[in-house]
């Protein structure tokens, strides 16, 4: 949609999605990792990010409230899109975004950067190659 709006004004824009990738060995394992992240969340920092105008006495309680009210774990990932699953789920989602999405790129972040990047390279990249997305 943003590309269409820009084209209507004679401009061209490029778009990227910001994705926090939580990759487990399976979809269930990835959900377990998310639960661990939620249980260890710095709720005061969440409040600092999402409710900068809150002046109540307990920012930690306010952060916990923000986290509890969210239907997804997005506050833990600072509103990056949470892509959660095993290698097949992740590769399928990325392939769908590459084919059907209107994105020019995807910016990935990982809860544990080195481990996440290594697992992505070893387990997801071969699946993306099977989709013809890298060769």
Protein backbone atom coordinates (compact mmCIF):
# COMPACT_ATOMS: atom_id res chain seq x y z
CA UNK A 1 0.00 0.00 0.00
CA UNK A 2 2.77 2.46 0.86
CA UNK A 3 4.38 1.81 -2.53
CA UNK A 4 1.09 2.60 -4.27
CA UNK A 5 0.70 5.81 -2.30
CA UNK A 6 4.23 6.85 -3.19
CA UNK A 7 3.70 5.98 -6.87
CA UNK A 8 0.63 8.19 -6.86
CA UNK A 9 2.91 11.07 -5.92
CA UNK A 10 5.54 10.16 -8.51
CA UNK A 11 7.89 8.64 -5.96
CA UNK A 12 9.40 5.23 -5.39
CA UNK A 13 9.99 3.79 -1.93
CA UNK A 14 11.50 0.57 -0.68
CA UNK A 15 10.12 -1.30 2.29
CA UNK A 16 11.49 -3.62 4.92
CA UNK A 17 9.92 -5.68 7.65
CA UNK A 18 11.54 -5.91 11.08
CA UNK A 19 11.22 -9.45 12.37
CA UNK A 20 12.37 -10.92 15.67
CA UNK A 21 13.03 -14.54 14.85
CA UNK A 22 12.56 -17.08 17.64
CA UNK A 23 13.60 -20.38 16.16
CA UNK A 24 13.28 -23.67 17.99
CA UNK A 25 13.93 -27.19 16.85
CA UNK A 26 10.14 -27.45 16.42
CA UNK A 27 7.20 -25.04 16.64
CA UNK A 28 6.55 -26.26 20.19
CA UNK A 29 10.17 -25.70 21.19
CA UNK A 30 10.00 -22.15 19.80
CA UNK A 31 6.86 -21.49 21.90
CA UNK A 32 8.76 -22.72 24.97
CA UNK A 33 11.56 -20.27 24.21
CA UNK A 34 9.03 -17.44 23.94
CA UNK A 35 7.56 -18.43 27.32
CA UNK A 36 11.04 -18.28 28.86
CA UNK A 37 11.53 -14.81 27.35
CA UNK A 38 8.17 -13.63 28.67
CA UNK A 39 8.92 -14.94 32.17
CA UNK A 40 12.27 -13.13 32.17
CA UNK A 41 11.00 -9.90 30.61
CA UNK A 42 12.23 -6.62 32.05
CA UNK A 43 8.78 -5.17 32.66
CA UNK A 44 10.16 -1.84 33.86
CA UNK A 45 12.01 -1.45 30.54
CA UNK A 46 8.81 -2.35 28.69
CA UNK A 47 7.03 0.43 30.54
CA UNK A 48 9.89 2.80 29.70
CA UNK A 49 9.49 2.01 26.00
CA UNK A 50 5.71 1.86 25.71
CA UNK A 51 4.40 4.22 28.34
CA UNK A 52 6.87 7.07 28.67
CA UNK A 53 4.18 9.37 30.07
CA UNK A 54 3.25 7.07 32.95
CA UNK A 55 4.00 8.86 36.22
CA UNK A 56 2.59 6.34 38.67
CA UNK A 57 4.57 5.00 41.59
CA UNK A 58 5.29 1.54 40.21
CA UNK A 59 6.66 1.43 36.68
CA UNK A 60 7.37 -2.28 37.07
CA UNK A 61 3.69 -3.00 37.71
CA UNK A 62 2.72 -0.78 34.76
CA UNK A 63 5.16 -2.65 32.50
CA UNK A 64 3.70 -5.99 33.64
CA UNK A 65 0.23 -4.64 32.84
CA UNK A 66 1.31 -3.62 29.32
CA UNK A 67 2.81 -7.06 28.74
CA UNK A 68 -0.27 -8.85 30.13
CA UNK A 69 -2.65 -6.82 27.94
CA UNK A 70 -0.83 -7.59 24.71
CA UNK A 71 -2.32 -10.49 22.72
CA UNK A 72 1.14 -11.33 21.35
CA UNK A 73 4.67 -11.22 22.79
CA UNK A 74 5.43 -8.10 20.72
CA UNK A 75 6.22 -5.82 23.69
CA UNK A 76 9.14 -8.12 24.56
CA UNK A 77 10.45 -7.64 21.00
CA UNK A 78 9.82 -3.86 20.95
CA UNK A 79 7.05 -4.32 18.39
CA UNK A 80 9.10 -6.11 15.80
CA UNK A 81 6.99 -8.82 14.19
CA UNK A 82 7.60 -12.03 16.17
CA UNK A 83 8.30 -14.92 13.80
CA UNK A 84 8.14 -17.97 16.04
CA UNK A 85 8.55 -21.57 14.96
CA UNK A 86 10.71 -24.42 13.84
CA UNK A 87 12.86 -24.25 10.70
CA UNK A 88 10.06 -25.33 8.33
CA UNK A 89 7.59 -22.77 9.69
CA UNK A 90 10.14 -19.98 9.50
CA UNK A 91 11.27 -20.88 5.97
CA UNK A 92 7.65 -21.11 4.81
CA UNK A 93 6.81 -17.70 6.23
CA UNK A 94 9.88 -16.07 4.67
CA UNK A 95 9.16 -17.71 1.32
CA UNK A 96 5.58 -16.43 1.47
CA UNK A 97 6.78 -12.91 2.28
CA UNK A 98 9.29 -13.04 -0.58
CA UNK A 99 6.71 -14.23 -3.10
CA UNK A 100 3.47 -12.62 -1.91
CA UNK A 101 4.65 -9.77 0.29
CA UNK A 102 5.56 -6.39 -1.03
CA UNK A 103 8.77 -6.09 0.96
CA UNK A 104 12.18 -5.32 -0.45
CA UNK A 105 13.95 -6.80 2.53
CA UNK A 106 13.60 -8.28 5.97
CA UNK A 107 15.62 -7.09 8.95
CA UNK A 108 16.07 -9.96 11.39
CA UNK A 109 16.87 -9.74 15.06
CA UNK A 110 17.32 -12.71 17.37
CA UNK A 111 16.93 -13.01 21.17
CA UNK A 112 20.39 -14.62 21.19
CA UNK A 113 22.10 -13.17 18.14
CA UNK A 114 25.01 -15.58 17.60
CA UNK A 115 23.03 -18.73 18.36
CA UNK A 116 20.02 -17.50 16.37
CA UNK A 117 22.06 -16.53 13.33
CA UNK A 118 23.94 -19.85 13.41
CA UNK A 119 20.73 -21.90 13.66
CA UNK A 120 19.14 -19.84 10.89
CA UNK A 121 22.11 -20.45 8.60
CA UNK A 122 22.27 -24.18 9.33
CA UNK A 123 18.57 -25.02 9.46
CA UNK A 124 16.55 -22.40 7.56
CA UNK A 125 18.84 -21.31 4.72
CA UNK A 126 18.90 -24.80 3.13
CA UNK A 127 15.08 -24.78 3.15
CA UNK A 128 15.01 -21.32 1.55
CA UNK A 129 17.35 -22.61 -1.14
CA UNK A 130 14.81 -25.37 -1.84
CA UNK A 131 12.23 -22.60 -2.36
CA UNK A 132 14.62 -21.05 -4.89
CA UNK A 133 15.25 -18.00 -2.73
CA UNK A 134 19.00 -18.33 -2.51
CA UNK A 135 21.38 -20.17 -4.70
